[in-house]
Amino acid sequence: MEEIEIRQRLDPYKFYHTIQVTDDVATQGTHGADPSIVKALDVDLHGKRVLDVGCRDGLYSFMAERRGAAEVIGIDNDLSKGAVEILIPHFGSAVQMHEMNLYDLTPARFGTFDVLIFADVLYHLRYPFRAFQILRDLANPQAMLIVKTALYSGNEDLAMLYCPIGDESPYEPTSCTFFNRKGLTDSLSSLGWRTVSVDLSNPRKNRANEAVIRGAVFVCEFTGQSGNEQVDRYWHGTHDGSSRFAGDGEAARASGALTWNTER
């Protein structure tokens, strides 16, 4: 296909990702590949199943396929028509893209995965802990999870979740969930994800020149172990913790029954 024809075919579509289509033609997106995600995916993916949550135009889906992934499935609740109608056919790609919400994902729908990419989705979610649970249920043993998000920069010694609404959001109104580093690390650990590495960008400051949020890429390994089985049962509504300790936190801690271990 001549490059002028490719440009003409791409022109009607709006792209989020900048994806190189030929040596001289790229989609006119606003977001290129994050170097930390590129580094995390720079491994042999032969035989691996990859899930790209919030895939948009498929930047990381195509990257995983080029790394040899056996199967790549991307989902987005605002799926890119340009990716489906132009990019996949042009590349001769086997990437499968589906328009669906993260909360509708189940192992019965697509199976389980060895690599899960979760880029620029978390800070949009109103139910982030449910999302973590779903990702856990979709993970094979020792699966890799790549989380690209933005972190709240305050109270670094406490596990925090900053939930701005409307104009208070440091991004825009759909961005309402910002963990701080400890909050995200500990929450992932409680669902079996061990943080292997964290790459941070420079903080973004507000009008008062205070550091509010900063970009981050977490690379995690699925251990399959939660911090405490009894607490996990409590959170999922199958427990005897309340009846045993009747709200007595000191008794629970003294017994060791509710001891939590995030150092994994």
Protein backbone atom coordinates (compact mmCIF):
# COMPACT_ATOMS: atom_id res chain seq x y z
CA MET A 1 0.00 0.00 0.00
CA GLU A 2 1.39 3.41 -0.95
CA GLU A 3 2.14 5.73 1.97
CA ILE A 4 -0.17 8.42 0.63
CA GLU A 5 -2.99 5.87 0.65
CA ILE A 6 -2.17 4.84 4.23
CA ARG A 7 -2.27 8.48 5.35
CA GLN A 8 -5.62 8.95 3.65
CA ARG A 9 -7.06 5.85 5.29
CA LEU A 10 -5.81 6.89 8.75
CA ASP A 11 -6.97 10.49 8.43
CA PRO A 12 -10.67 10.00 9.38
CA TYR A 13 -9.79 8.29 12.65
CA LYS A 14 -8.89 9.86 15.96
CA PHE A 15 -6.00 8.11 17.73
CA TYR A 16 -4.82 8.22 21.35
CA HIS A 17 -1.57 6.32 20.77
CA THR A 18 1.22 7.26 18.42
CA ILE A 19 1.95 4.02 16.58
CA GLN A 20 4.49 3.65 13.80
CA VAL A 21 2.68 2.20 10.80
CA THR A 22 5.53 2.46 8.28
CA ASP A 23 9.00 3.99 8.45
CA ASP A 24 7.51 7.38 7.58
CA VAL A 25 3.88 7.16 8.72
CA ALA A 26 2.55 7.09 12.28
CA THR A 27 -0.87 7.53 13.79
CA GLN A 28 -1.48 11.07 15.00
CA GLY A 29 -1.89 10.17 18.64
CA THR A 30 -0.94 12.19 21.71
CA HIS A 31 0.69 9.39 23.73
CA GLY A 32 3.76 7.40 22.81
CA ALA A 33 5.15 4.31 24.48
CA ASP A 34 6.19 4.69 28.10
CA PRO A 35 9.87 3.70 28.42
CA SER A 36 9.21 1.78 31.64
CA ILE A 37 6.53 -0.35 29.97
CA VAL A 38 8.78 -0.90 26.96
CA LYS A 39 11.50 -2.11 29.34
CA ALA A 40 9.09 -4.43 31.19
CA LEU A 41 7.91 -5.96 27.91
CA ASP A 42 11.44 -6.40 26.58
CA VAL A 43 11.39 -10.10 27.41
CA ASP A 44 10.71 -13.29 25.53
CA LEU A 45 6.93 -13.64 25.49
CA HIS A 46 6.81 -16.80 23.36
CA GLY A 47 4.00 -19.03 24.59
CA LYS A 48 2.59 -16.30 26.84
CA ARG A 49 -0.98 -15.04 26.91
CA VAL A 50 -1.23 -11.25 27.28
CA LEU A 51 -4.18 -9.12 28.38
CA ASP A 52 -4.11 -5.38 27.63
CA VAL A 53 -6.74 -3.64 29.79
CA GLY A 54 -7.64 -0.23 28.38
CA CYS A 55 -5.83 -1.04 25.15
CA ARG A 56 -7.16 1.93 23.17
CA ASP A 57 -5.28 1.84 19.81
CA GLY A 58 -3.24 -1.22 20.80
CA LEU A 59 0.21 0.30 21.25
CA TYR A 60 1.24 -2.23 23.90
CA SER A 61 -0.84 -5.04 22.40
CA PHE A 62 1.12 -4.86 19.14
CA MET A 63 4.35 -4.55 21.09
CA ALA A 64 3.60 -7.75 23.04
CA GLU A 65 2.74 -9.54 19.81
CA ARG A 66 6.07 -8.49 18.28
CA ARG A 67 7.79 -9.90 21.38
CA GLY A 68 6.35 -13.31 20.47
CA ALA A 69 3.22 -13.56 22.63
CA ALA A 70 1.12 -16.58 21.73
CA GLU A 71 -2.12 -14.65 22.14
CA VAL A 72 -2.93 -11.00 22.87
CA ILE A 73 -6.37 -9.80 23.92
CA GLY A 74 -7.13 -6.12 24.36
CA ILE A 75 -10.23 -4.64 25.92
CA ASP A 76 -11.48 -1.07 26.14
CA ASN A 77 -14.90 0.44 26.85
CA ASP A 78 -14.19 2.96 24.07
CA LEU A 79 -12.55 0.72 21.50
CA SER A 80 -10.48 2.25 18.73
CA LYS A 81 -12.16 1.86 15.35
CA GLY A 82 -8.90 2.88 13.71
CA ALA A 83 -7.09 -0.01 15.37
CA VAL A 84 -9.74 -2.57 14.42
CA GLU A 85 -10.43 -1.35 10.91
CA ILE A 86 -6.96 -0.17 9.82
CA LEU A 87 -4.07 -1.19 12.07
CA ILE A 88 -4.86 -4.86 12.71
CA PRO A 89 -5.44 -5.63 9.02
CA HIS A 90 -2.43 -3.55 7.95
CA PHE A 91 -0.07 -5.32 10.35
CA GLY A 92 -1.61 -8.73 9.62
CA SER A 93 -2.00 -8.89 13.38
CA ALA A 94 -3.71 -11.63 15.40
CA VAL A 95 -4.41 -9.23 18.29
CA GLN A 96 -8.04 -9.53 19.40
CA MET A 97 -9.76 -6.36 20.56
CA HIS A 98 -13.10 -6.30 22.38
CA GLU A 99 -15.23 -3.38 23.48
CA MET A 100 -16.06 -4.18 27.08
CA ASN A 101 -15.65 -2.91 30.62
CA LEU A 102 -12.96 -4.20 32.96
CA TYR A 103 -15.62 -5.15 35.52
CA ASP A 104 -17.17 -7.58 33.05
CA LEU A 105 -13.97 -9.61 32.71
CA THR A 106 -14.02 -13.18 34.05
CA PRO A 107 -11.75 -16.20 33.55
CA ALA A 108 -14.68 -17.90 31.83
CA ARG A 109 -14.71 -15.21 29.13
CA PHE A 110 -11.09 -15.24 27.96
CA GLY A 111 -9.20 -17.55 30.32
CA THR A 112 -6.19 -16.56 32.41
CA PHE A 113 -3.03 -14.72 31.47
CA ASP A 114 0.73 -14.61 31.95
CA VAL A 115 1.11 -10.85 31.39
CA LEU A 116 -1.47 -8.18 32.26
CA ILE A 117 -0.99 -4.60 31.07
CA PHE A 118 -2.99 -2.01 33.00
CA ALA A 119 -1.92 1.36 31.61
CA ASP A 120 -3.63 4.67 32.39
CA VAL A 121 -6.80 3.03 33.68
CA LEU A 122 -6.52 2.86 37.46
CA TYR A 123 -6.96 6.57 38.19
CA HIS A 124 -10.25 6.55 36.24
CA LEU A 125 -11.84 3.80 38.36
CA ARG A 126 -14.54 4.34 40.97
CA TYR A 127 -14.10 0.78 42.26
CA PRO A 128 -10.34 0.19 42.22
CA PHE A 129 -10.23 -2.67 44.73
CA ARG A 130 -12.74 -4.65 42.70
CA ALA A 131 -10.47 -4.12 39.70
CA PHE A 132 -7.50 -5.54 41.62
CA GLN A 133 -9.56 -8.58 42.56
CA ILE A 134 -10.53 -9.17 38.92
CA LEU A 135 -6.91 -8.90 37.78
CA ARG A 136 -5.93 -11.42 40.46
CA ASP A 137 -8.57 -13.87 39.24
CA LEU A 138 -7.23 -13.55 35.68
CA ALA A 139 -3.60 -14.20 36.60
CA ASN A 140 -1.63 -17.39 36.08
CA PRO A 141 1.03 -18.32 38.67
CA GLN A 142 3.97 -15.91 38.49
CA ALA A 143 2.10 -13.67 36.05
CA MET A 144 3.48 -10.19 35.45
CA LEU A 145 1.27 -7.14 36.04
CA ILE A 146 2.31 -3.76 34.63
CA VAL A 147 0.41 -0.84 36.17
CA LYS A 148 0.89 2.63 34.70
CA THR A 149 -0.94 5.22 36.75
CA ALA A 150 -0.58 8.46 38.70
CA LEU A 151 0.18 8.50 42.42
CA TYR A 152 -0.81 10.93 45.15
CA SER A 153 2.39 12.52 46.46
CA GLY A 154 1.34 13.17 50.06
CA ASN A 155 1.66 11.24 53.34
CA GLU A 156 4.22 8.78 52.02
CA ASP A 157 4.46 7.00 55.39
CA LEU A 158 0.76 6.05 55.31
CA ALA A 159 -1.22 3.92 52.86
CA MET A 160 -3.48 6.54 51.29
CA LEU A 161 -6.11 6.86 48.56
CA TYR A 162 -6.86 10.38 47.27
CA CYS A 163 -10.34 10.63 45.69
CA PRO A 164 -10.88 14.10 44.15
CA ILE A 165 -14.22 14.77 42.49
CA GLY A 166 -15.08 17.10 39.61
CA ASP A 167 -12.89 20.18 39.23
CA GLU A 168 -10.73 19.08 42.17
CA SER A 169 -9.19 16.34 40.02
CA PRO A 170 -5.58 17.08 39.04
CA TYR A 171 -6.35 15.66 35.58
CA GLU A 172 -10.03 15.97 34.61
CA PRO A 173 -13.36 14.89 36.16
CA THR A 174 -13.14 11.22 35.16
CA SER A 175 -9.85 10.86 37.07
CA CYS A 176 -10.85 10.22 40.66
CA THR A 177 -8.60 7.53 42.17
CA PHE A 178 -5.01 8.27 43.15
CA PHE A 179 -3.22 5.93 45.55
CA ASN A 180 0.03 7.03 47.09
CA ARG A 181 2.98 4.69 46.64
CA LYS A 182 2.49 2.80 49.90
CA GLY A 183 -1.26 2.59 49.36
CA LEU A 184 -0.88 0.99 45.94
CA THR A 185 1.97 -1.31 46.96
CA ASP A 186 0.12 -2.57 50.03
CA SER A 187 -3.23 -2.94 48.24
CA LEU A 188 -1.64 -5.00 45.48
CA SER A 189 0.17 -7.10 48.07
CA SER A 190 -3.09 -7.86 49.88
CA LEU A 191 -4.30 -9.53 46.68
CA GLY A 192 -1.18 -11.52 45.93
CA TRP A 193 0.89 -9.09 43.83
CA ARG A 194 4.50 -8.53 44.85
CA THR A 195 5.90 -5.23 43.60
CA VAL A 196 9.17 -5.89 41.75
CA SER A 197 9.98 -2.35 40.58
CA VAL A 198 8.55 1.17 40.57
CA ASP A 199 9.57 3.91 38.14
CA LEU A 200 8.45 7.43 39.07
CA SER A 201 8.20 10.62 37.03
CA ASN A 202 8.54 14.16 38.35
CA PRO A 203 5.64 15.38 40.53
CA ARG A 204 2.98 17.64 39.07
CA LYS A 205 2.36 20.71 41.26
CA ASN A 206 -0.87 22.55 41.96
CA ARG A 207 -1.49 26.29 41.99
CA ALA A 208 -0.02 26.55 45.47
CA ASN A 209 3.20 24.97 44.15
CA GLU A 210 2.55 21.82 46.17
CA ALA A 211 3.42 18.41 44.74
CA VAL A 212 0.11 16.59 44.24
CA ILE A 213 0.56 13.66 41.85
CA ARG A 214 3.30 11.95 39.89
CA GLY A 215 3.29 9.34 37.16
CA ALA A 216 4.39 5.82 38.03
CA VAL A 217 4.87 2.41 36.47
CA PHE A 218 4.65 -0.59 38.81
CA VAL A 219 5.88 -4.01 37.67
CA CYS A 220 4.50 -6.80 39.86
CA GLU A 221 4.66 -10.59 40.09
CA PHE A 222 1.67 -12.70 41.08
CA THR A 223 2.55 -14.81 44.12
CA GLY A 224 -0.97 -16.16 44.63
CA GLN A 225 -0.66 -15.40 48.33
CA SER A 226 -2.69 -12.75 50.13
CA GLY A 227 -1.47 -11.12 53.30
CA ASN A 228 -3.91 -12.89 55.60
CA GLU A 229 -6.44 -15.57 54.67
CA GLN A 230 -8.83 -14.72 57.48
CA VAL A 231 -8.93 -11.01 56.60
CA ASP A 232 -9.44 -11.93 52.95
CA ARG A 233 -12.45 -14.06 53.92
CA TYR A 234 -13.79 -11.17 55.99
CA TRP A 235 -13.58 -8.78 53.04
CA HIS A 236 -15.36 -11.27 50.81
CA GLY A 237 -18.16 -11.90 53.28
CA THR A 238 -17.27 -15.45 54.38
CA HIS A 239 -15.70 -15.10 57.80
CA ASP A 240 -15.93 -15.60 61.52
CA GLY A 241 -13.65 -12.74 62.54
CA SER A 242 -16.39 -10.50 63.92
CA SER A 243 -17.92 -13.23 66.05
CA ARG A 244 -14.55 -14.38 67.37
CA PHE A 245 -13.20 -10.97 68.33
CA ALA A 246 -16.40 -8.89 68.60
CA GLY A 247 -14.64 -5.76 67.42
CA ASP A 248 -11.75 -6.21 69.85
CA GLY A 249 -8.82 -5.25 67.62
CA GLU A 250 -6.32 -5.67 70.44
CA ALA A 251 -7.41 -9.27 71.03
CA ALA A 252 -7.20 -9.98 67.33
CA ARG A 253 -3.69 -8.58 67.04
CA ALA A 254 -2.52 -10.28 70.21
CA SER A 255 -3.68 -13.65 68.90
CA GLY A 256 -1.81 -13.14 65.66
CA ALA A 257 -4.92 -14.08 63.70
CA LEU A 258 -5.16 -10.75 61.93
CA THR A 259 -1.46 -10.08 61.45
CA TRP A 260 -0.84 -8.69 57.97
CA ASN A 261 2.32 -9.22 55.97
CA THR A 262 2.98 -6.92 53.00
CA GLU A 263 6.71 -7.70 52.80
CA ARG A 264 6.51 -10.18 49.93
